[in-house]
C-alpha atoms as a PDB file:
ATOM      1  CA  UNK A   1     -45.201  36.090 -78.589  1.00  0.00           C
ATOM      2  CA  UNK A   2     -43.158  38.395 -76.324  1.00  0.00           C
ATOM      3  CA  UNK A   3     -39.835  37.003 -75.160  1.00  0.00           C
ATOM      4  CA  UNK A   4     -41.054  36.915 -71.549  1.00  0.00           C
ATOM      5  CA  UNK A   5     -44.113  34.911 -72.577  1.00  0.00           C
ATOM      6  CA  UNK A   6     -41.978  32.316 -74.337  1.00  0.00           C
ATOM      7  CA  UNK A   7     -39.555  32.046 -71.415  1.00  0.00           C
ATOM      8  CA  UNK A   8     -42.464  31.497 -69.021  1.00  0.00           C
ATOM      9  CA  UNK A   9     -43.378  28.379 -71.032  1.00  0.00           C
ATOM     10  CA  UNK A  10     -39.862  26.894 -70.872  1.00  0.00           C
ATOM     11  CA  UNK A  11     -39.737  24.244 -68.110  1.00  0.00           C
ATOM     12  CA  UNK A  12     -36.266  25.421 -67.172  1.00  0.00           C
ATOM     13  CA  UNK A  13     -37.645  28.801 -66.077  1.00  0.00           C
ATOM     14  CA  UNK A  14     -40.935  27.732 -64.506  1.00  0.00           C
ATOM     15  CA  UNK A  15     -41.596  29.480 -61.216  1.00  0.00           C
ATOM     16  CA  UNK A  16     -39.897  32.757 -62.149  1.00  0.00           C
ATOM     17  CA  UNK A  17     -41.925  35.905 -61.566  1.00  0.00           C
ATOM     18  CA  UNK A  18     -42.440  38.651 -64.153  1.00  0.00           C
ATOM     19  CA  UNK A  19     -39.540  40.741 -62.910  1.00  0.00           C
ATOM     20  CA  UNK A  20     -37.157  37.778 -63.056  1.00  0.00           C
ATOM     21  CA  UNK A  21     -38.370  36.910 -66.558  1.00  0.00           C
ATOM     22  CA  UNK A  22     -37.791  40.525 -67.585  1.00  0.00           C
ATOM     23  CA  UNK A  23     -34.221  40.330 -66.263  1.00  0.00           C
ATOM     24  CA  UNK A  24     -33.668  37.079 -68.128  1.00  0.00           C
ATOM     25  CA  UNK A  25     -35.147  38.399 -71.385  1.00  0.00           C
ATOM     26  CA  UNK A  26     -32.781  41.356 -71.246  1.00  0.00           C
ATOM     27  CA  UNK A  27     -29.818  38.954 -71.382  1.00  0.00           C
ATOM     28  CA  UNK A  28     -31.053  37.210 -74.542  1.00  0.00           C
ATOM     29  CA  UNK A  29     -30.133  37.930 -78.119  1.00  0.00           C
ATOM     30  CA  UNK A  30     -32.032  36.634 -81.130  1.00  0.00           C
ATOM     31  CA  UNK A  31     -30.563  34.893 -84.171  1.00  0.00           C
ATOM     32  CA  UNK A  32     -32.178  33.404 -87.287  1.00  0.00           C
ATOM     33  CA  UNK A  33     -30.990  30.228 -88.985  1.00  0.00           C
ATOM     34  CA  UNK A  34     -31.909  29.002 -92.450  1.00  0.00           C
ATOM     35  CA  UNK A  35     -33.315  25.519 -93.062  1.00  0.00           C
ATOM     36  CA  UNK A  36     -30.434  23.040 -93.040  1.00  0.00           C
ATOM     37  CA  UNK A  37     -28.014  25.469 -91.400  1.00  0.00           C
ATOM     38  CA  UNK A  38     -25.765  24.094 -88.667  1.00  0.00           C
ATOM     39  CA  UNK A  39     -26.090  25.884 -85.327  1.00  0.00           C
ATOM     40  CA  UNK A  40     -23.049  24.205 -83.808  1.00  0.00           C
ATOM     41  CA  UNK A  41     -20.898  21.142 -84.421  1.00  0.00           C
ATOM     42  CA  UNK A  42     -19.834  18.373 -82.075  1.00  0.00           C
ATOM     43  CA  UNK A  43     -16.538  19.495 -80.538  1.00  0.00           C
ATOM     44  CA  UNK A  44     -17.290  23.240 -80.713  1.00  0.00           C
ATOM     45  CA  UNK A  45     -16.815  25.267 -77.556  1.00  0.00           C
ATOM     46  CA  UNK A  46     -20.014  25.457 -75.510  1.00  0.00           C
ATOM     47  CA  UNK A  47     -20.565  29.171 -75.163  1.00  0.00           C
ATOM     48  CA  UNK A  48     -24.351  29.601 -75.141  1.00  0.00           C
ATOM     49  CA  UNK A  49     -27.766  28.187 -74.277  1.00  0.00           C
ATOM     50  CA  UNK A  50     -30.334  28.151 -77.101  1.00  0.00           C
ATOM     51  CA  UNK A  51     -34.108  28.468 -76.758  1.00  0.00           C
ATOM     52  CA  UNK A  52     -36.281  27.866 -79.820  1.00  0.00           C
ATOM     53  CA  UNK A  53     -38.729  30.670 -80.533  1.00  0.00           C
ATOM     54  CA  UNK A  54     -39.756  29.522 -84.021  1.00  0.00           C
ATOM     55  CA  UNK A  55     -38.954  26.532 -86.203  1.00  0.00           C
ATOM     56  CA  UNK A  56     -37.472  23.122 -85.438  1.00  0.00           C
ATOM     57  CA  UNK A  57     -34.005  21.877 -84.572  1.00  0.00           C
ATOM     58  CA  UNK A  58     -32.573  18.372 -84.550  1.00  0.00           C
ATOM     59  CA  UNK A  59     -29.724  17.188 -82.348  1.00  0.00           C
ATOM     60  CA  UNK A  60     -27.473  14.712 -84.165  1.00  0.00           C
ATOM     61  CA  UNK A  61     -24.566  12.388 -83.450  1.00  0.00           C
ATOM     62  CA  UNK A  62     -22.479  11.509 -86.500  1.00  0.00           C
ATOM     63  CA  UNK A  63     -19.872   8.872 -87.255  1.00  0.00           C
ATOM     64  CA  UNK A  64     -16.676   9.036 -89.309  1.00  0.00           C
ATOM     65  CA  UNK A  65     -18.490   6.974 -91.958  1.00  0.00           C
ATOM     66  CA  UNK A  66     -21.145   9.650 -92.361  1.00  0.00           C
ATOM     67  CA  UNK A  67     -23.914   7.834 -90.495  1.00  0.00           C
ATOM     68  CA  UNK A  68     -26.203   9.796 -88.187  1.00  0.00           C
ATOM     69  CA  UNK A  69     -28.308   9.188 -85.123  1.00  0.00           C
ATOM     70  CA  UNK A  70     -30.993  11.788 -84.374  1.00  0.00           C
ATOM     71  CA  UNK A  71     -31.053  12.181 -80.601  1.00  0.00           C
ATOM     72  CA  UNK A  72     -34.019  14.533 -80.468  1.00  0.00           C
ATOM     73  CA  UNK A  73     -36.332  16.830 -82.421  1.00  0.00           C
ATOM     74  CA  UNK A  74     -36.992  20.150 -80.728  1.00  0.00           C
ATOM     75  CA  UNK A  75     -39.579  22.869 -81.339  1.00  0.00           C
ATOM     76  CA  UNK A  76     -40.747  26.209 -79.905  1.00  0.00           C
ATOM     77  CA  UNK A  77     -40.235  26.397 -76.145  1.00  0.00           C
ATOM     78  CA  UNK A  78     -37.534  23.708 -76.137  1.00  0.00           C
ATOM     79  CA  UNK A  79     -33.931  24.479 -75.232  1.00  0.00           C
ATOM     80  CA  UNK A  80     -30.579  22.856 -75.949  1.00  0.00           C
ATOM     81  CA  UNK A  81     -26.867  23.400 -75.504  1.00  0.00           C
ATOM     82  CA  UNK A  82     -27.041  23.328 -71.710  1.00  0.00           C
ATOM     83  CA  UNK A  83     -24.654  20.419 -71.047  1.00  0.00           C
ATOM     84  CA  UNK A  84     -21.578  22.200 -72.369  1.00  0.00           C
ATOM     85  CA  UNK A  85     -22.468  25.281 -70.329  1.00  0.00           C
ATOM     86  CA  UNK A  86     -22.442  23.294 -67.105  1.00  0.00           C
ATOM     87  CA  UNK A  87     -19.283  21.237 -67.512  1.00  0.00           C
ATOM     88  CA  UNK A  88     -17.269  23.540 -69.757  1.00  0.00           C
ATOM     89  CA  UNK A  89     -16.610  20.658 -72.176  1.00  0.00           C
ATOM     90  CA  UNK A  90     -17.006  20.889 -75.982  1.00  0.00           C
ATOM     91  CA  UNK A  91     -20.379  20.267 -77.615  1.00  0.00           C
ATOM     92  CA  UNK A  92     -21.315  16.581 -77.483  1.00  0.00           C
ATOM     93  CA  UNK A  93     -23.440  16.595 -80.676  1.00  0.00           C
ATOM     94  CA  UNK A  94     -24.382  18.647 -83.724  1.00  0.00           C
ATOM     95  CA  UNK A  95     -27.415  20.945 -83.792  1.00  0.00           C
ATOM     96  CA  UNK A  96     -29.087  21.756 -87.123  1.00  0.00           C
ATOM     97  CA  UNK A  97     -32.144  23.775 -88.099  1.00  0.00           C
ATOM     98  CA  UNK A  98     -34.662  21.472 -89.816  1.00  0.00           C
ATOM     99  CA  UNK A  99     -36.526  24.505 -91.128  1.00  0.00           C
ATOM    100  CA  UNK A 100     -36.059  28.266 -90.848  1.00  0.00           C
ATOM    101  CA  UNK A 101     -35.630  28.837 -87.125  1.00  0.00           C
ATOM    102  CA  UNK A 102     -35.458  31.787 -84.766  1.00  0.00           C
ATOM    103  CA  UNK A 103     -33.530  31.176 -81.560  1.00  0.00           C
ATOM    104  CA  UNK A 104     -32.956  33.087 -78.351  1.00  0.00           C
ATOM    105  CA  UNK A 105     -29.346  32.827 -77.197  1.00  0.00           C
ATOM    106  CA  UNK A 106     -28.063  33.200 -73.640  1.00  0.00           C
ATOM    107  CA  UNK A 107     -24.300  33.398 -73.209  1.00  0.00           C
ATOM    108  CA  UNK A 108     -22.582  31.022 -70.780  1.00  0.00           C
ATOM    109  CA  UNK A 109     -21.414  33.659 -68.273  1.00  0.00           C
ATOM    110  CA  UNK A 110     -24.908  35.177 -68.124  1.00  0.00           C
ATOM    111  CA  UNK A 111     -26.469  31.718 -67.776  1.00  0.00           C
ATOM    112  CA  UNK A 112     -24.182  30.677 -64.919  1.00  0.00           C
ATOM    113  CA  UNK A 113     -24.696  33.974 -63.086  1.00  0.00           C
ATOM    114  CA  UNK A 114     -28.464  33.723 -63.503  1.00  0.00           C
ATOM    115  CA  UNK A 115     -28.740  30.186 -62.105  1.00  0.00           C
ATOM    116  CA  UNK A 116     -26.513  31.208 -59.186  1.00  0.00           C
ATOM    117  CA  UNK A 117     -29.009  33.973 -58.394  1.00  0.00           C
ATOM    118  CA  UNK A 118     -32.056  31.744 -59.083  1.00  0.00           C
ATOM    119  CA  UNK A 119     -31.498  28.320 -57.438  1.00  0.00           C
ATOM    120  CA  UNK A 120     -34.892  27.107 -58.693  1.00  0.00           C
ATOM    121  CA  UNK A 121     -33.584  27.247 -62.254  1.00  0.00           C
ATOM    122  CA  UNK A 122     -30.725  24.906 -61.286  1.00  0.00           C
ATOM    123  CA  UNK A 123     -33.235  22.493 -59.713  1.00  0.00           C
ATOM    124  CA  UNK A 124     -35.403  22.629 -62.856  1.00  0.00           C
ATOM    125  CA  UNK A 125     -32.335  21.949 -64.984  1.00  0.00           C
ATOM    126  CA  UNK A 126     -31.461  18.857 -62.951  1.00  0.00           C
ATOM    127  CA  UNK A 127     -34.988  17.527 -63.483  1.00  0.00           C
ATOM    128  CA  UNK A 128     -34.750  18.111 -67.243  1.00  0.00           C
ATOM    129  CA  UNK A 129     -31.353  16.422 -67.451  1.00  0.00           C
ATOM    130  CA  UNK A 130     -32.685  13.485 -65.449  1.00  0.00           C
ATOM    131  CA  UNK A 131     -35.540  13.010 -67.938  1.00  0.00           C
ATOM    132  CA  UNK A 132     -33.098  13.161 -70.839  1.00  0.00           C
ATOM    133  CA  UNK A 133     -30.887  10.528 -69.214  1.00  0.00           C
ATOM    134  CA  UNK A 134     -33.866   8.247 -68.690  1.00  0.00           C
ATOM    135  CA  UNK A 135     -34.803   8.681 -72.353  1.00  0.00           C
ATOM    136  CA  UNK A 136     -31.278   7.779 -73.483  1.00  0.00           C
ATOM    137  CA  UNK A 137     -31.388   4.686 -71.242  1.00  0.00           C
ATOM    138  CA  UNK A 138     -34.658   3.693 -72.900  1.00  0.00           C
ATOM    139  CA  UNK A 139     -33.216   4.190 -76.377  1.00  0.00           C
ATOM    140  CA  UNK A 140     -30.285   1.935 -75.525  1.00  0.00           C
ATOM    141  CA  UNK A 141     -32.614  -0.749 -74.180  1.00  0.00           C
ATOM    142  CA  UNK A 142     -34.882  -0.488 -77.211  1.00  0.00           C
ATOM    143  CA  UNK A 143     -31.964  -0.803 -79.626  1.00  0.00           C
ATOM    144  CA  UNK A 144     -30.686  -3.865 -77.772  1.00  0.00           C
ATOM    145  CA  UNK A 145     -33.928  -5.786 -77.306  1.00  0.00           C
ATOM    146  CA  UNK A 146     -36.650  -4.555 -79.695  1.00  0.00           C
ATOM    147  CA  UNK A 147     -37.089  -5.157 -83.408  1.00  0.00           C
ATOM    148  CA  UNK A 148     -37.223  -2.297 -85.914  1.00  0.00           C
ATOM    149  CA  UNK A 149     -41.030  -2.328 -86.200  1.00  0.00           C
ATOM    150  CA  UNK A 150     -41.538  -1.997 -82.451  1.00  0.00           C
ATOM    151  CA  UNK A 151     -38.910   0.738 -82.181  1.00  0.00           C
ATOM    152  CA  UNK A 152     -40.617   2.607 -85.014  1.00  0.00           C
ATOM    153  CA  UNK A 153     -44.018   2.369 -83.312  1.00  0.00           C
ATOM    154  CA  UNK A 154     -42.546   3.697 -80.056  1.00  0.00           C
ATOM    155  CA  UNK A 155     -41.012   6.614 -81.958  1.00  0.00           C
ATOM    156  CA  UNK A 156     -44.253   7.386 -83.823  1.00  0.00           C
ATOM    157  CA  UNK A 157     -46.235   7.405 -80.584  1.00  0.00           C
ATOM    158  CA  UNK A 158     -43.636   9.660 -78.954  1.00  0.00           C
ATOM    159  CA  UNK A 159     -43.821  12.033 -81.919  1.00  0.00           C
ATOM    160  CA  UNK A 160     -47.616  12.027 -81.652  1.00  0.00           C
ATOM    161  CA  UNK A 161     -47.229  13.187 -78.045  1.00  0.00           C
ATOM    162  CA  UNK A 162     -44.538  15.819 -78.642  1.00  0.00           C
ATOM    163  CA  UNK A 163     -45.156  16.916 -82.255  1.00  0.00           C
ATOM    164  CA  UNK A 164     -48.733  15.836 -82.932  1.00  0.00           C
ATOM    165  CA  UNK A 165     -51.823  17.816 -83.889  1.00  0.00           C
ATOM    166  CA  UNK A 166     -55.361  16.480 -84.029  1.00  0.00           C
ATOM    167  CA  UNK A 167     -56.450  15.648 -87.555  1.00  0.00           C
ATOM    168  CA  UNK A 168     -59.688  14.447 -89.070  1.00  0.00           C
ATOM    169  CA  UNK A 169     -61.546  11.343 -87.869  1.00  0.00           C
ATOM    170  CA  UNK A 170     -59.393  10.947 -84.776  1.00  0.00           C
ATOM    171  CA  UNK A 171     -56.078  10.934 -86.616  1.00  0.00           C
ATOM    172  CA  UNK A 172     -52.917  12.638 -85.362  1.00  0.00           C
ATOM    173  CA  UNK A 173     -50.699  14.599 -87.758  1.00  0.00           C
ATOM    174  CA  UNK A 174     -46.981  14.847 -86.938  1.00  0.00           C
ATOM    175  CA  UNK A 175     -46.079  18.477 -87.572  1.00  0.00           C
ATOM    176  CA  UNK A 176     -42.388  17.755 -88.234  1.00  0.00           C
ATOM    177  CA  UNK A 177     -41.601  16.870 -91.839  1.00  0.00           C
ATOM    178  CA  UNK A 178     -39.655  13.616 -91.615  1.00  0.00           C
ATOM    179  CA  UNK A 179     -38.173  11.492 -94.368  1.00  0.00           C
ATOM    180  CA  UNK A 180     -37.692   7.757 -94.080  1.00  0.00           C
ATOM    181  CA  UNK A 181     -33.996   8.486 -93.555  1.00  0.00           C
ATOM    182  CA  UNK A 182     -34.851  10.805 -90.658  1.00  0.00           C
ATOM    183  CA  UNK A 183     -36.905   8.059 -89.013  1.00  0.00           C
ATOM    184  CA  UNK A 184     -34.130   5.525 -89.630  1.00  0.00           C
ATOM    185  CA  UNK A 185     -31.614   7.855 -87.982  1.00  0.00           C
ATOM    186  CA  UNK A 186     -33.910   8.308 -84.994  1.00  0.00           C
ATOM    187  CA  UNK A 187     -34.120   4.602 -84.182  1.00  0.00           C
ATOM    188  CA  UNK A 188     -30.821   3.262 -85.514  1.00  0.00           C
ATOM    189  CA  UNK A 189     -32.179   1.373 -88.515  1.00  0.00           C
ATOM    190  CA  UNK A 190     -31.806   1.383 -92.295  1.00  0.00           C
ATOM    191  CA  UNK A 191     -34.053   3.420 -94.586  1.00  0.00           C
ATOM    192  CA  UNK A 192     -35.060   0.195 -96.327  1.00  0.00           C
ATOM    193  CA  UNK A 193     -36.313  -1.374 -93.087  1.00  0.00           C
ATOM    194  CA  UNK A 194     -38.279   1.782 -92.259  1.00  0.00           C
ATOM    195  CA  UNK A 195     -39.811   1.731 -95.735  1.00  0.00           C
ATOM    196  CA  UNK A 196     -40.893  -1.869 -95.225  1.00  0.00           C
ATOM    197  CA  UNK A 197     -42.438  -1.154 -91.817  1.00  0.00           C
ATOM    198  CA  UNK A 198     -44.264   1.953 -92.997  1.00  0.00           C
ATOM    199  CA  UNK A 199     -45.716   0.054 -95.956  1.00  0.00           C
ATOM    200  CA  UNK A 200     -46.973  -2.655 -93.607  1.00  0.00           C
ATOM    201  CA  UNK A 201     -48.550  -0.172 -91.199  1.00  0.00           C
ATOM    202  CA  UNK A 202     -50.069   1.728 -94.129  1.00  0.00           C
ATOM    203  CA  UNK A 203     -51.647  -1.487 -95.448  1.00  0.00           C
ATOM    204  CA  UNK A 204     -53.077  -2.060 -91.962  1.00  0.00           C
ATOM    205  CA  UNK A 205     -54.658   1.411 -92.034  1.00  0.00           C
ATOM    206  CA  UNK A 206     -52.526   2.688 -89.153  1.00  0.00           C
ATOM    207  CA  UNK A 207     -50.183   5.204 -90.782  1.00  0.00           C
ATOM    208  CA  UNK A 208     -49.979   7.452 -93.829  1.00  0.00           C
ATOM    209  CA  UNK A 209     -46.664   8.966 -94.961  1.00  0.00           C
ATOM    210  CA  UNK A 210     -46.815  11.400 -97.869  1.00  0.00           C
ATOM    211  CA  UNK A 211     -44.502  14.256 -98.852  1.00  0.00           C
ATOM    212  CA  UNK A 212     -42.647  14.032 -95.558  1.00  0.00           C
ATOM    213  CA  UNK A 213     -45.846  14.326 -93.528  1.00  0.00           C
ATOM    214  CA  UNK A 214     -46.711  11.486 -91.165  1.00  0.00           C
ATOM    215  CA  UNK A 215     -50.285  10.884 -90.075  1.00  0.00           C
ATOM    216  CA  UNK A 216     -51.220   8.304 -87.454  1.00  0.00           C
ATOM    217  CA  UNK A 217     -54.639   7.151 -88.556  1.00  0.00           C
ATOM    218  CA  UNK A 218     -55.468   4.998 -85.535  1.00  0.00           C
ATOM    219  CA  UNK A 219     -53.310   5.678 -82.481  1.00  0.00           C
ATOM    220  CA  UNK A 220     -54.984   3.074 -80.276  1.00  0.00           C
ATOM    221  CA  UNK A 221     -54.529   0.262 -82.796  1.00  0.00           C
ATOM    222  CA  UNK A 222     -50.957   1.374 -83.379  1.00  0.00           C
ATOM    223  CA  UNK A 223     -50.302   1.261 -79.629  1.00  0.00           C
ATOM    224  CA  UNK A 224     -51.475  -2.361 -79.582  1.00  0.00           C
ATOM    225  CA  UNK A 225     -48.555  -3.190 -81.917  1.00  0.00           C
ATOM    226  CA  UNK A 226     -46.318  -2.782 -78.862  1.00  0.00           C
ATOM    227  CA  UNK A 227     -47.934  -5.763 -77.121  1.00  0.00           C
END
């Protein structure tokens, strides 16, 4: 896909015409990251905006004890690194390539100049940040009031929406390869509790988890587990 075509699919740049997308594409540089490679660390200077062209990236918060919370999984067309560009503060989380990834990189001074010239991009960015804030609020509420099984179901349904592909017999295959530890880090639980929940949902015929690949066998029945 041409760079302009990818940028046209990024919500941040919706509404830009072909000439404006051409100008934006000219400011980008491309960089490849190996699977497991860190793109930036929490505390690094925020010098660039990243747009995923290929592969997947996870955004992580870590503790001094080595524990992790996965804030989000991102794929082609998603962007990250924007907060530090706006406030000039250090990176607030780590970013790591989950698999070999190819990213488009826009430097901070080019980004700030571009949004000054294109006010619609600033408006789009505020909408994206608002959605992220609402999601964080929901995660906090879920962690405070919901049990592990319900939090896992919510996460699986969200992954089906954002990372799902239609499978056979009405199933949905999650394209991201996720271990039980990954799922535990996404919802703030232990790997053992995730293992227990997945076994229960597998016995109910709702989920299959094999070789890091999650398949939701019956989305509607799984959704009823939230009631």
